[in-house]
Amino acid sequence: MRSKIGWIGLLVFALLVTACSPNPTASSSNDISVWLSIPILNVKSNDQITLADYSGKTVIVEGMAVWCGECFYQQSQASQALAQLNRDDVVYISLDIDPNEELPLIAEYAASNQFDWVFTKSNPELMEPLIARFGRAITVPSNMPIFLISPQGQVSELHTGGHTASQLIELIEQWSGK
């Protein structure tokens, strides 16, 4: 009986040490350079990209899903906003955050709606640090979550709720430093 208690005690001790130890993934989750460099697939071009690829530009990233009516509203507003902006300085990225949606469906959605910006599919490697940085609201497409990255690499807080074209332009101009 004594040896069983000894092993149980050792197991409990090991679990406590593990639980109390710093999580290297969690601490690196807020290291922007780490999660900006995680590869994701541009479903329209079939190229691997990273958010860091757009360094020096203002990047707006929206969480979305093809079934999300609110997301479609946000994207129609984004289309209007992008028509008024210098696309050499601004990159808009729709990040599909629904783990059940397949790449061809996302590409077809973008094409059929004539959305002419980057569409990507998230992956667990990217979602973990995004959740660590922004909370679970980033995982709910109907929240219409967006965040921005300035040309200098600063990341905004998470914005939720619908944004009109003029509100998107204002956010983009604010984060571009203009």
N, C-alpha and C. Protein backbone atom coordinates (compact mmCIF):
# COMPACT_ATOMS: atom_id res chain seq x y z
N MET A 1 0.82 -1.19 0.00
CA MET A 1 0.00 0.00 0.00
C MET A 1 0.87 1.25 0.00
N ARG A 2 1.95 1.20 0.74
CA ARG A 2 2.83 2.35 0.85
C ARG A 2 3.42 2.72 -0.51
N SER A 3 3.79 1.74 -1.34
CA SER A 3 4.38 2.03 -2.63
C SER A 3 3.34 2.67 -3.56
N LYS A 4 2.05 2.25 -3.44
CA LYS A 4 1.02 2.87 -4.27
C LYS A 4 0.86 4.34 -3.90
N ILE A 5 0.88 4.65 -2.62
CA ILE A 5 0.77 6.04 -2.19
C ILE A 5 1.98 6.83 -2.68
N GLY A 6 3.15 6.20 -2.63
CA GLY A 6 4.36 6.86 -3.12
C GLY A 6 4.26 7.21 -4.60
N TRP A 7 3.78 6.28 -5.41
CA TRP A 7 3.63 6.53 -6.84
C TRP A 7 2.55 7.57 -7.11
N ILE A 8 1.47 7.50 -6.37
CA ILE A 8 0.40 8.48 -6.54
C ILE A 8 0.91 9.87 -6.16
N GLY A 9 1.63 9.95 -5.06
CA GLY A 9 2.20 11.23 -4.64
C GLY A 9 3.15 11.78 -5.68
N LEU A 10 3.99 10.91 -6.24
CA LEU A 10 4.93 11.32 -7.27
C LEU A 10 4.19 11.82 -8.51
N LEU A 11 3.12 11.12 -8.90
CA LEU A 11 2.32 11.52 -10.05
C LEU A 11 1.68 12.87 -9.81
N VAL A 12 1.08 13.06 -8.61
CA VAL A 12 0.46 14.35 -8.27
C VAL A 12 1.51 15.45 -8.30
N PHE A 13 2.68 15.19 -7.74
CA PHE A 13 3.76 16.18 -7.75
C PHE A 13 4.15 16.55 -9.18
N ALA A 14 4.30 15.55 -10.04
CA ALA A 14 4.68 15.80 -11.43
C ALA A 14 3.62 16.63 -12.14
N LEU A 15 2.35 16.32 -11.90
CA LEU A 15 1.27 17.08 -12.52
C LEU A 15 1.27 18.52 -12.03
N LEU A 16 1.51 18.73 -10.74
CA LEU A 16 1.56 20.08 -10.20
C LEU A 16 2.72 20.87 -10.78
N VAL A 17 3.86 20.25 -10.89
CA VAL A 17 5.03 20.93 -11.46
C VAL A 17 4.75 21.31 -12.90
N THR A 18 4.17 20.38 -13.65
CA THR A 18 3.84 20.66 -15.05
C THR A 18 2.83 21.79 -15.16
N ALA A 19 1.80 21.76 -14.33
CA ALA A 19 0.76 22.78 -14.39
C ALA A 19 1.28 24.15 -13.99
N CYS A 20 2.23 24.20 -13.09
CA CYS A 20 2.76 25.47 -12.61
C CYS A 20 3.92 25.98 -13.43
N SER A 21 4.48 25.16 -14.27
CA SER A 21 5.61 25.57 -15.10
C SER A 21 5.12 26.48 -16.21
N PRO A 22 5.96 27.45 -16.60
CA PRO A 22 5.55 28.31 -17.71
C PRO A 22 5.39 27.49 -18.98
N ASN A 23 4.39 27.84 -19.74
CA ASN A 23 4.12 27.17 -21.01
C ASN A 23 4.86 27.92 -22.11
N PRO A 24 5.87 27.31 -22.73
CA PRO A 24 6.63 28.04 -23.74
C PRO A 24 5.78 28.45 -24.92
N THR A 25 4.79 27.67 -25.27
CA THR A 25 3.91 28.04 -26.37
C THR A 25 3.11 29.26 -26.00
N ALA A 26 2.57 29.29 -24.79
CA ALA A 26 1.76 30.43 -24.36
C ALA A 26 2.61 31.70 -24.31
N SER A 27 3.83 31.62 -23.81
CA SER A 27 4.65 32.82 -23.71
C SER A 27 5.05 33.31 -25.10
N SER A 28 5.23 32.40 -26.05
CA SER A 28 5.57 32.83 -27.39
C SER A 28 4.34 33.25 -28.18
N SER A 29 3.14 32.94 -27.67
CA SER A 29 1.92 33.31 -28.36
C SER A 29 1.78 34.81 -28.50
N ASN A 30 2.27 35.54 -27.52
CA ASN A 30 2.19 36.99 -27.59
C ASN A 30 3.40 37.59 -28.28
N ASP A 31 4.36 36.76 -28.67
CA ASP A 31 5.49 37.21 -29.46
C ASP A 31 4.99 37.31 -30.90
N ILE A 32 4.72 38.52 -31.30
CA ILE A 32 4.10 38.77 -32.60
C ILE A 32 4.91 38.14 -33.73
N SER A 33 6.24 38.25 -33.67
CA SER A 33 7.06 37.74 -34.76
C SER A 33 6.86 36.23 -34.96
N VAL A 34 6.52 35.52 -33.88
CA VAL A 34 6.30 34.08 -33.99
C VAL A 34 5.02 33.80 -34.77
N TRP A 35 3.91 34.39 -34.35
CA TRP A 35 2.66 34.04 -35.04
C TRP A 35 2.48 34.74 -36.37
N LEU A 36 3.18 35.83 -36.60
CA LEU A 36 3.13 36.43 -37.94
C LEU A 36 3.84 35.56 -38.97
N SER A 37 4.69 34.67 -38.51
CA SER A 37 5.49 33.84 -39.42
C SER A 37 4.92 32.44 -39.63
N ILE A 38 3.75 32.16 -39.08
CA ILE A 38 3.14 30.84 -39.25
C ILE A 38 2.54 30.73 -40.65
N PRO A 39 2.91 29.72 -41.41
CA PRO A 39 2.39 29.59 -42.78
C PRO A 39 0.90 29.24 -42.80
N ILE A 40 0.21 29.90 -43.72
CA ILE A 40 -1.20 29.62 -44.01
C ILE A 40 -1.34 29.59 -45.53
N LEU A 41 -2.38 28.95 -46.00
CA LEU A 41 -2.56 28.77 -47.43
C LEU A 41 -3.49 29.83 -47.99
N ASN A 42 -3.03 30.55 -49.01
CA ASN A 42 -3.89 31.44 -49.77
C ASN A 42 -4.70 30.52 -50.69
N VAL A 43 -5.99 30.36 -50.41
CA VAL A 43 -6.79 29.36 -51.13
C VAL A 43 -7.07 29.77 -52.58
N LYS A 44 -6.90 31.04 -52.90
CA LYS A 44 -7.14 31.48 -54.26
C LYS A 44 -5.95 31.20 -55.17
N SER A 45 -4.73 31.33 -54.62
CA SER A 45 -3.53 31.12 -55.44
C SER A 45 -2.83 29.80 -55.14
N ASN A 46 -3.25 29.12 -54.07
CA ASN A 46 -2.61 27.88 -53.61
C ASN A 46 -1.18 28.09 -53.13
N ASP A 47 -0.83 29.31 -52.75
CA ASP A 47 0.51 29.62 -52.25
C ASP A 47 0.49 29.67 -50.73
N GLN A 48 1.58 29.23 -50.12
CA GLN A 48 1.76 29.41 -48.68
C GLN A 48 2.17 30.86 -48.45
N ILE A 49 1.51 31.49 -47.48
CA ILE A 49 1.83 32.87 -47.12
C ILE A 49 1.97 32.95 -45.60
N THR A 50 2.50 34.05 -45.14
CA THR A 50 2.48 34.38 -43.72
C THR A 50 2.01 35.83 -43.62
N LEU A 51 1.55 36.22 -42.46
CA LEU A 51 1.17 37.61 -42.26
C LEU A 51 2.41 38.51 -42.35
N ALA A 52 3.57 37.97 -42.01
CA ALA A 52 4.82 38.73 -42.10
C ALA A 52 5.19 39.06 -43.54
N ASP A 53 4.65 38.32 -44.51
CA ASP A 53 4.93 38.60 -45.91
C ASP A 53 4.50 40.01 -46.30
N TYR A 54 3.59 40.59 -45.54
CA TYR A 54 3.03 41.90 -45.88
C TYR A 54 3.61 43.01 -45.02
N SER A 55 4.79 42.79 -44.46
CA SER A 55 5.47 43.78 -43.65
C SER A 55 5.62 45.07 -44.47
N GLY A 56 5.41 46.20 -43.81
CA GLY A 56 5.50 47.49 -44.48
C GLY A 56 4.17 47.95 -45.05
N LYS A 57 3.14 47.11 -44.95
CA LYS A 57 1.80 47.47 -45.41
C LYS A 57 0.85 47.43 -44.23
N THR A 58 -0.28 48.08 -44.38
CA THR A 58 -1.33 47.96 -43.38
C THR A 58 -2.13 46.71 -43.73
N VAL A 59 -2.24 45.80 -42.77
CA VAL A 59 -2.94 44.53 -43.00
C VAL A 59 -4.16 44.50 -42.09
N ILE A 60 -5.30 44.16 -42.68
CA ILE A 60 -6.50 43.95 -41.89
C ILE A 60 -6.88 42.48 -42.07
N VAL A 61 -7.07 41.81 -40.95
CA VAL A 61 -7.40 40.38 -40.95
C VAL A 61 -8.77 40.22 -40.34
N GLU A 62 -9.66 39.57 -41.08
CA GLU A 62 -10.99 39.30 -40.54
C GLU A 62 -11.17 37.80 -40.39
N GLY A 63 -11.72 37.40 -39.25
CA GLY A 63 -12.13 36.02 -39.07
C GLY A 63 -13.49 35.83 -39.72
N MET A 64 -13.65 34.74 -40.44
CA MET A 64 -14.91 34.53 -41.17
C MET A 64 -15.17 33.05 -41.40
N ALA A 65 -16.37 32.78 -41.91
CA ALA A 65 -16.77 31.45 -42.39
C ALA A 65 -17.72 31.67 -43.55
N VAL A 66 -17.76 30.75 -44.49
CA VAL A 66 -18.59 30.94 -45.68
C VAL A 66 -20.09 30.91 -45.36
N TRP A 67 -20.49 30.27 -44.27
CA TRP A 67 -21.90 30.18 -43.91
C TRP A 67 -22.39 31.41 -43.16
N CYS A 68 -21.50 32.30 -42.82
CA CYS A 68 -21.79 33.42 -41.91
C CYS A 68 -22.33 34.63 -42.68
N GLY A 69 -23.61 34.92 -42.50
CA GLY A 69 -24.23 36.08 -43.14
C GLY A 69 -23.63 37.39 -42.68
N GLU A 70 -23.30 37.48 -41.41
CA GLU A 70 -22.67 38.70 -40.89
C GLU A 70 -21.31 38.93 -41.56
N CYS A 71 -20.60 37.83 -41.81
CA CYS A 71 -19.29 37.93 -42.47
C CYS A 71 -19.45 38.46 -43.89
N PHE A 72 -20.49 37.99 -44.58
CA PHE A 72 -20.74 38.46 -45.93
C PHE A 72 -21.00 39.97 -45.92
N TYR A 73 -21.76 40.44 -44.94
CA TYR A 73 -22.00 41.88 -44.80
C TYR A 73 -20.66 42.60 -44.65
N GLN A 74 -19.83 42.10 -43.73
CA GLN A 74 -18.53 42.74 -43.48
C GLN A 74 -17.69 42.74 -44.75
N GLN A 75 -17.72 41.66 -45.50
CA GLN A 75 -16.93 41.57 -46.73
C GLN A 75 -17.46 42.51 -47.81
N SER A 76 -18.77 42.69 -47.88
CA SER A 76 -19.31 43.65 -48.86
C SER A 76 -18.87 45.06 -48.50
N GLN A 77 -18.80 45.37 -47.21
CA GLN A 77 -18.29 46.67 -46.77
C GLN A 77 -16.80 46.80 -47.06
N ALA A 78 -16.06 45.71 -46.86
CA ALA A 78 -14.63 45.71 -47.15
C ALA A 78 -14.39 45.95 -48.64
N SER A 79 -15.21 45.36 -49.48
CA SER A 79 -15.08 45.54 -50.92
C SER A 79 -15.24 47.02 -51.29
N GLN A 80 -16.22 47.67 -50.69
CA GLN A 80 -16.44 49.10 -50.93
C GLN A 80 -15.27 49.93 -50.41
N ALA A 81 -14.77 49.59 -49.24
CA ALA A 81 -13.64 50.32 -48.66
C ALA A 81 -12.39 50.16 -49.52
N LEU A 82 -12.11 48.93 -49.91
CA LEU A 82 -10.90 48.67 -50.69
C LEU A 82 -10.91 49.39 -52.04
N ALA A 83 -12.10 49.60 -52.59
CA ALA A 83 -12.21 50.32 -53.85
C ALA A 83 -11.76 51.78 -53.71
N GLN A 84 -11.75 52.28 -52.48
CA GLN A 84 -11.38 53.67 -52.23
C GLN A 84 -9.95 53.83 -51.71
N LEU A 85 -9.24 52.73 -51.52
CA LEU A 85 -7.91 52.77 -50.93
C LEU A 85 -6.84 52.38 -51.93
N ASN A 86 -5.61 52.78 -51.65
CA ASN A 86 -4.47 52.38 -52.46
C ASN A 86 -4.11 50.95 -52.09
N ARG A 87 -4.41 50.02 -52.95
CA ARG A 87 -4.19 48.60 -52.66
C ARG A 87 -2.71 48.23 -52.60
N ASP A 88 -1.82 49.13 -53.01
CA ASP A 88 -0.39 48.86 -52.85
C ASP A 88 0.03 48.98 -51.39
N ASP A 89 -0.76 49.70 -50.60
CA ASP A 89 -0.42 49.96 -49.20
C ASP A 89 -1.25 49.15 -48.21
N VAL A 90 -2.32 48.53 -48.69
CA VAL A 90 -3.27 47.85 -47.81
C VAL A 90 -3.51 46.42 -48.29
N VAL A 91 -3.48 45.49 -47.34
CA VAL A 91 -3.79 44.09 -47.65
C VAL A 91 -4.96 43.68 -46.76
N TYR A 92 -5.99 43.14 -47.37
CA TYR A 92 -7.14 42.64 -46.63
C TYR A 92 -7.10 41.12 -46.72
N ILE A 93 -7.24 40.46 -45.57
CA ILE A 93 -7.15 39.00 -45.53
C ILE A 93 -8.38 38.46 -44.82
N SER A 94 -9.12 37.59 -45.51
CA SER A 94 -10.22 36.87 -44.89
C SER A 94 -9.68 35.52 -44.44
N LEU A 95 -9.70 35.32 -43.13
CA LEU A 95 -9.16 34.12 -42.51
C LEU A 95 -10.32 33.22 -42.09
N ASP A 96 -10.56 32.15 -42.85
CA ASP A 96 -11.64 31.24 -42.51
C ASP A 96 -11.28 30.49 -41.24
N ILE A 97 -12.09 30.68 -40.21
CA ILE A 97 -11.78 30.11 -38.90
C ILE A 97 -12.67 28.92 -38.55
N ASP A 98 -13.47 28.47 -39.51
CA ASP A 98 -14.30 27.29 -39.28
C ASP A 98 -13.49 26.05 -39.63
N PRO A 99 -13.17 25.22 -38.64
CA PRO A 99 -12.31 24.06 -38.91
C PRO A 99 -12.95 23.03 -39.84
N ASN A 100 -14.26 23.12 -40.06
CA ASN A 100 -14.94 22.14 -40.90
C ASN A 100 -15.03 22.54 -42.37
N GLU A 101 -14.65 23.76 -42.70
CA GLU A 101 -14.77 24.19 -44.09
C GLU A 101 -13.54 23.78 -44.89
N GLU A 102 -13.79 23.26 -46.07
CA GLU A 102 -12.73 22.77 -46.95
C GLU A 102 -12.22 23.89 -47.86
N LEU A 103 -10.97 23.77 -48.26
CA LEU A 103 -10.33 24.79 -49.08
C LEU A 103 -11.08 25.10 -50.38
N PRO A 104 -11.56 24.11 -51.15
CA PRO A 104 -12.27 24.44 -52.39
C PRO A 104 -13.55 25.25 -52.14
N LEU A 105 -14.23 24.99 -51.04
CA LEU A 105 -15.44 25.75 -50.71
C LEU A 105 -15.11 27.22 -50.45
N ILE A 106 -14.02 27.45 -49.76
CA ILE A 106 -13.60 28.83 -49.46
C ILE A 106 -13.21 29.55 -50.75
N ALA A 107 -12.46 28.88 -51.60
CA ALA A 107 -12.04 29.48 -52.87
C ALA A 107 -13.26 29.79 -53.75
N GLU A 108 -14.21 28.87 -53.80
CA GLU A 108 -15.43 29.08 -54.59
C GLU A 108 -16.24 30.25 -54.04
N TYR A 109 -16.33 30.35 -52.72
CA TYR A 109 -17.05 31.45 -52.07
C TYR A 109 -16.44 32.79 -52.48
N ALA A 110 -15.12 32.90 -52.40
CA ALA A 110 -14.44 34.15 -52.76
C ALA A 110 -14.68 34.48 -54.23
N ALA A 111 -14.55 33.48 -55.09
CA ALA A 111 -14.71 33.71 -56.53
C ALA A 111 -16.14 34.07 -56.89
N SER A 112 -17.10 33.33 -56.34
CA SER A 112 -18.51 33.58 -56.71
C SER A 112 -19.01 34.93 -56.22
N ASN A 113 -18.39 35.45 -55.16
CA ASN A 113 -18.78 36.76 -54.65
C ASN A 113 -17.88 37.88 -55.17
N GLN A 114 -16.94 37.52 -56.04
CA GLN A 114 -16.01 38.46 -56.66
C GLN A 114 -15.23 39.28 -55.63
N PHE A 115 -14.84 38.61 -54.55
CA PHE A 115 -13.99 39.24 -53.55
C PHE A 115 -12.55 39.09 -54.01
N ASP A 116 -11.88 40.20 -54.21
CA ASP A 116 -10.56 40.17 -54.86
C ASP A 116 -9.39 40.38 -53.90
N TRP A 117 -9.49 39.82 -52.73
CA TRP A 117 -8.40 39.91 -51.77
C TRP A 117 -8.02 38.50 -51.34
N VAL A 118 -7.10 38.41 -50.40
CA VAL A 118 -6.57 37.13 -49.96
C VAL A 118 -7.59 36.41 -49.07
N PHE A 119 -7.84 35.14 -49.39
CA PHE A 119 -8.65 34.27 -48.54
C PHE A 119 -7.75 33.13 -48.08
N THR A 120 -7.76 32.87 -46.78
CA THR A 120 -6.93 31.83 -46.22
C THR A 120 -7.75 30.94 -45.31
N LYS A 121 -7.18 29.82 -45.00
CA LYS A 121 -7.79 28.87 -44.05
C LYS A 121 -6.88 28.82 -42.84
N SER A 122 -7.44 29.07 -41.69
CA SER A 122 -6.63 29.02 -40.48
C SER A 122 -6.23 27.58 -40.18
N ASN A 123 -5.29 27.46 -39.27
CA ASN A 123 -4.85 26.16 -38.82
C ASN A 123 -4.60 26.25 -37.31
N PRO A 124 -4.50 25.11 -36.63
CA PRO A 124 -4.31 25.14 -35.17
C PRO A 124 -3.05 25.90 -34.74
N GLU A 125 -2.00 25.84 -35.55
CA GLU A 125 -0.76 26.53 -35.20
C GLU A 125 -0.96 28.04 -35.12
N LEU A 126 -1.84 28.57 -35.96
CA LEU A 126 -2.12 30.00 -35.93
C LEU A 126 -3.22 30.34 -34.92
N MET A 127 -4.24 29.49 -34.83
CA MET A 127 -5.36 29.82 -33.95
C MET A 127 -4.94 29.87 -32.48
N GLU A 128 -4.04 28.99 -32.08
CA GLU A 128 -3.63 28.98 -30.67
C GLU A 128 -3.06 30.33 -30.23
N PRO A 129 -2.09 30.91 -30.97
CA PRO A 129 -1.59 32.21 -30.54
C PRO A 129 -2.60 33.34 -30.73
N LEU A 130 -3.48 33.22 -31.73
CA LEU A 130 -4.51 34.25 -31.90
C LEU A 130 -5.47 34.25 -30.72
N ILE A 131 -5.85 33.06 -30.26
CA ILE A 131 -6.72 32.95 -29.09
C ILE A 131 -6.00 33.49 -27.85
N ALA A 132 -4.71 33.17 -27.72
CA ALA A 132 -3.94 33.67 -26.57
C ALA A 132 -3.88 35.20 -26.59
N ARG A 133 -3.80 35.78 -27.74
CA ARG A 133 -3.69 37.24 -27.85
C ARG A 133 -5.04 37.93 -27.74
N PHE A 134 -6.07 37.40 -28.43
CA PHE A 134 -7.34 38.11 -28.55
C PHE A 134 -8.49 37.50 -27.77
N GLY A 135 -8.32 36.28 -27.26
CA GLY A 135 -9.41 35.61 -26.58
C GLY A 135 -10.26 34.81 -27.55
N ARG A 136 -11.25 34.13 -27.01
CA ARG A 136 -12.10 33.24 -27.81
C ARG A 136 -12.97 33.98 -28.82
N ALA A 137 -13.15 35.28 -28.68
CA ALA A 137 -13.97 36.04 -29.63
C ALA A 137 -13.43 35.92 -31.05
N ILE A 138 -12.14 35.68 -31.20
CA ILE A 138 -11.54 35.52 -32.53
C ILE A 138 -12.06 34.26 -33.22
N THR A 139 -12.61 33.32 -32.47
CA THR A 139 -13.04 32.03 -33.04
C THR A 139 -14.51 32.01 -33.44
N VAL A 140 -15.21 33.12 -33.28
CA VAL A 140 -16.65 33.17 -33.57
C VAL A 140 -16.87 34.05 -34.81
N PRO A 141 -17.08 33.44 -35.97
CA PRO A 141 -17.22 34.23 -37.19
C PRO A 141 -18.30 35.31 -37.12
N SER A 142 -19.44 34.98 -36.51
CA SER A 142 -20.54 35.96 -36.46
C SER A 142 -20.21 37.17 -35.59
N ASN A 143 -19.12 37.12 -34.82
CA ASN A 143 -18.63 38.31 -34.11
C ASN A 143 -18.02 39.31 -35.08
N MET A 144 -17.74 38.87 -36.29
CA MET A 144 -17.03 39.66 -37.31
C MET A 144 -15.73 40.20 -36.74
N PRO A 145 -14.88 39.30 -36.20
CA PRO A 145 -13.64 39.77 -35.58
C PRO A 145 -12.63 40.25 -36.61
N ILE A 146 -12.04 41.40 -36.34
CA ILE A 146 -10.97 41.91 -37.18
C ILE A 146 -9.86 42.48 -36.29
N PHE A 147 -8.65 42.38 -36.81
CA PHE A 147 -7.54 43.09 -36.20
C PHE A 147 -6.67 43.63 -37.32
N LEU A 148 -5.88 44.61 -36.98
CA LEU A 148 -5.03 45.26 -37.96
C LEU A 148 -3.57 45.16 -37.54
N ILE A 149 -2.71 45.18 -38.54
CA ILE A 149 -1.27 45.21 -38.32
C ILE A 149 -0.75 46.44 -39.06
N SER A 150 -0.04 47.30 -38.35
CA SER A 150 0.48 48.52 -38.96
C SER A 150 1.69 48.19 -39.83
N PRO A 151 2.08 49.11 -40.70
CA PRO A 151 3.28 48.88 -41.51
C PRO A 151 4.54 48.65 -40.66
N GLN A 152 4.52 49.14 -39.42
CA GLN A 152 5.65 48.96 -38.51
C GLN A 152 5.55 47.66 -37.70
N GLY A 153 4.47 46.90 -37.89
CA GLY A 153 4.32 45.62 -37.20
C GLY A 153 3.55 45.68 -35.89
N GLN A 154 2.96 46.81 -35.55
CA GLN A 154 2.13 46.90 -34.35
C GLN A 154 0.78 46.24 -34.64
N VAL A 155 0.24 45.53 -33.64
CA VAL A 155 -1.03 44.82 -33.82
C VAL A 155 -2.10 45.49 -32.96
N SER A 156 -3.24 45.73 -33.56
CA SER A 156 -4.36 46.37 -32.85
C SER A 156 -5.01 45.40 -31.88
N GLU A 157 -5.94 45.91 -31.10
CA GLU A 157 -6.81 45.04 -30.33
C GLU A 157 -7.81 44.41 -31.29
N LEU A 158 -8.57 43.47 -30.80
CA LEU A 158 -9.58 42.83 -31.62
C LEU A 158 -10.81 43.72 -31.68
N HIS A 159 -11.30 43.95 -32.89
CA HIS A 159 -12.54 44.71 -33.09
C HIS A 159 -13.61 43.71 -33.49
N THR A 160 -14.78 43.81 -32.90
CA THR A 160 -15.88 42.92 -33.26
C THR A 160 -17.09 43.76 -33.64
N GLY A 161 -18.03 43.11 -34.26
CA GLY A 161 -19.22 43.81 -34.72
C GLY A 161 -18.99 44.31 -36.14
N GLY A 162 -20.06 44.65 -36.80
CA GLY A 162 -19.95 45.09 -38.19
C GLY A 162 -19.34 46.47 -38.31
N HIS A 163 -18.59 46.65 -39.37
CA HIS A 163 -17.98 47.94 -39.67
C HIS A 163 -18.43 48.36 -41.06
N THR A 164 -18.88 49.59 -41.19
CA THR A 164 -19.22 50.11 -42.51
C THR A 164 -17.94 50.35 -43.29
N ALA A 165 -18.09 50.60 -44.57
CA ALA A 165 -16.92 50.89 -45.41
C ALA A 165 -16.16 52.09 -44.86
N SER A 166 -16.87 53.14 -44.46
CA SER A 166 -16.18 54.33 -43.95
C SER A 166 -15.48 54.04 -42.62
N GLN A 167 -16.07 53.20 -41.77
CA GLN A 167 -15.41 52.83 -40.52
C GLN A 167 -14.15 52.00 -40.79
N LEU A 168 -14.22 51.10 -41.76
CA LEU A 168 -13.04 50.32 -42.12
C LEU A 168 -11.93 51.23 -42.65
N ILE A 169 -12.29 52.19 -43.49
CA ILE A 169 -11.29 53.13 -44.02
C ILE A 169 -10.66 53.91 -42.88
N GLU A 170 -11.47 54.35 -41.94
CA GLU A 170 -10.95 55.09 -40.79
C GLU A 170 -9.97 54.25 -39.97
N LEU A 171 -10.34 52.98 -39.71
CA LEU A 171 -9.44 52.09 -38.98
C LEU A 171 -8.14 51.87 -39.74
N ILE A 172 -8.24 51.63 -41.03
CA ILE A 172 -7.06 51.38 -41.85
C ILE A 172 -6.16 52.60 -41.87
N GLU A 173 -6.74 53.77 -42.04
CA GLU A 173 -5.94 55.01 -42.06
C GLU A 173 -5.29 55.25 -40.70
N GLN A 174 -6.02 54.97 -39.64
CA GLN A 174 -5.47 55.12 -38.28
C GLN A 174 -4.26 54.22 -38.10
N TRP A 175 -4.36 52.97 -38.57
CA TRP A 175 -3.27 52.01 -38.36
C TRP A 175 -2.16 52.14 -39.40
N SER A 176 -2.43 52.81 -40.48
CA SER A 176 -1.37 53.02 -41.48
C SER A 176 -0.51 54.22 -41.12
N GLY A 177 -0.97 55.00 -40.16
CA GLY A 177 -0.21 56.17 -39.74
C GLY A 177 -0.46 57.38 -40.63
N LYS A 178 -1.53 57.33 -41.40
CA LYS A 178 -1.84 58.47 -42.30
C LYS A 178 -2.91 59.34 -41.71
